[in-house]
Protein backbone atom coordinates (compact mmCIF):
# COMPACT_ATOMS: atom_id res chain seq x y z
CA MET A 1 5.96 -1.50 0.31
CA ARG A 2 8.54 0.18 -1.94
CA ALA A 3 5.86 1.72 -4.13
CA ARG A 4 4.19 3.22 -1.04
CA LYS A 5 7.49 4.69 0.18
CA ALA A 6 8.24 6.04 -3.26
CA GLY A 7 4.82 7.67 -3.28
CA LEU A 8 5.43 9.28 0.10
CA LEU A 9 8.82 10.54 -0.98
CA GLY A 10 7.16 12.43 -3.82
CA LEU A 11 4.73 14.26 -1.55
CA ARG A 12 4.46 18.03 -1.61
CA THR A 13 4.99 20.02 1.59
CA ARG A 14 4.98 23.78 1.98
CA GLY A 15 4.75 24.25 -1.78
CA ARG A 16 7.85 22.15 -2.51
CA THR A 17 8.27 18.60 -3.61
CA ILE A 18 9.97 16.58 -0.92
CA GLY A 19 13.38 15.52 -2.12
CA ALA A 20 13.15 17.74 -5.17
CA VAL A 21 16.21 17.79 -7.35
CA GLY A 22 17.74 21.22 -7.74
CA GLY A 23 17.00 22.37 -4.20
CA ARG A 24 19.90 24.01 -2.44
CA GLY A 25 21.02 24.72 1.09
CA ALA A 26 18.46 24.46 3.86
CA ASP A 27 15.57 23.65 1.50
CA ALA A 28 17.27 20.52 0.18
CA THR A 29 18.29 19.50 3.70
CA THR A 30 14.79 20.14 5.04
CA ASP A 31 13.19 18.28 2.16
CA GLY A 32 15.48 15.32 2.76
CA PHE A 33 14.64 15.30 6.46
CA VAL A 34 10.89 15.47 5.79
CA ALA A 35 11.16 12.65 3.26
CA ARG A 36 13.07 10.55 5.81
CA VAL A 37 10.39 11.15 8.49
CA TYR A 38 7.64 10.16 6.03
CA ALA A 39 9.58 7.04 5.02
CA GLU A 40 10.01 6.03 8.67
CA LEU A 41 6.32 6.63 9.30
CA ALA A 42 5.38 4.56 6.24
CA GLU A 43 7.57 1.74 7.54
CA GLU A 44 5.99 1.91 10.99
CA LEU A 45 2.41 2.23 9.67
CA PRO A 46 2.45 0.44 6.30
CA GLU A 47 -1.33 0.00 6.09
CA GLU A 48 -2.22 3.65 6.63
CA ASP A 49 -2.83 6.30 3.99
CA LEU A 50 -1.80 9.49 5.75
CA GLY A 51 -1.95 11.81 2.77
CA GLU A 52 0.36 14.69 2.02
CA ASP A 53 -0.05 16.78 5.17
CA LEU A 54 0.13 15.20 8.61
CA GLY A 55 -1.44 18.27 10.23
CA ASP A 56 -4.43 18.00 7.93
CA PHE A 57 -4.65 14.26 8.59
CA LEU A 58 -4.66 14.85 12.36
CA GLU A 59 -7.38 17.50 12.06
CA ARG A 60 -9.64 15.25 9.95
CA TYR A 61 -8.98 11.96 11.77
CA GLU A 62 -11.94 10.40 13.54
CA PRO A 63 -11.29 7.28 15.58
CA ALA A 64 -13.30 4.19 14.77
CA GLY A 65 -16.10 3.71 17.22
CA GLY A 66 -18.27 0.85 18.23
CA PRO A 67 -17.81 -2.56 19.75
CA GLY A 68 -14.48 -4.26 19.31
CA THR A 69 -12.47 -1.09 18.75
CA ASP A 70 -9.18 -0.77 20.56
CA ALA A 71 -8.97 2.76 22.02
CA GLU A 72 -5.42 2.18 23.28
CA ALA A 73 -4.16 1.10 19.84
CA ASP A 74 -5.93 4.08 18.28
CA GLU A 75 -4.27 6.49 20.71
CA GLU A 76 -0.87 4.87 20.05
CA PHE A 77 -1.44 5.31 16.31
CA LEU A 78 -2.32 8.99 16.77
CA GLU A 79 0.69 9.56 19.01
CA THR A 80 2.98 8.08 16.35
CA VAL A 81 1.55 10.42 13.70
CA ARG A 82 1.69 13.43 16.09
CA GLU A 83 5.33 12.74 16.92
CA ALA A 84 6.25 12.58 13.22
CA HIS A 85 4.35 15.84 12.64
CA HIS A 86 6.21 17.51 15.55
CA ARG A 87 9.57 16.20 14.31
CA ILE A 88 8.95 17.79 10.93
CA ALA A 89 7.88 21.08 12.56
CA ARG A 90 10.99 21.09 14.79
CA GLY A 91 13.29 20.09 11.99
CA TYR A 92 14.96 17.25 13.92
């Protein structure tokens, strides 16, 4: 689990490395916030590989179809990812 979180904390967003050392002011604060949101999401969804950009993930995501799939669980999963994406966009 720690390796996965560490990987997420090193993601790049908007051309910057999340949690980059040397950032100042709002950039460092924003990067820290984004890293925290990704870490919370990784804790909540430890089995998922969401990639670097949640917006891109949401655009490409296709729910599993067929017998035995749980549409409600799939929608809950997507809502969790959407909320994290919106939190990052809002900045809180």
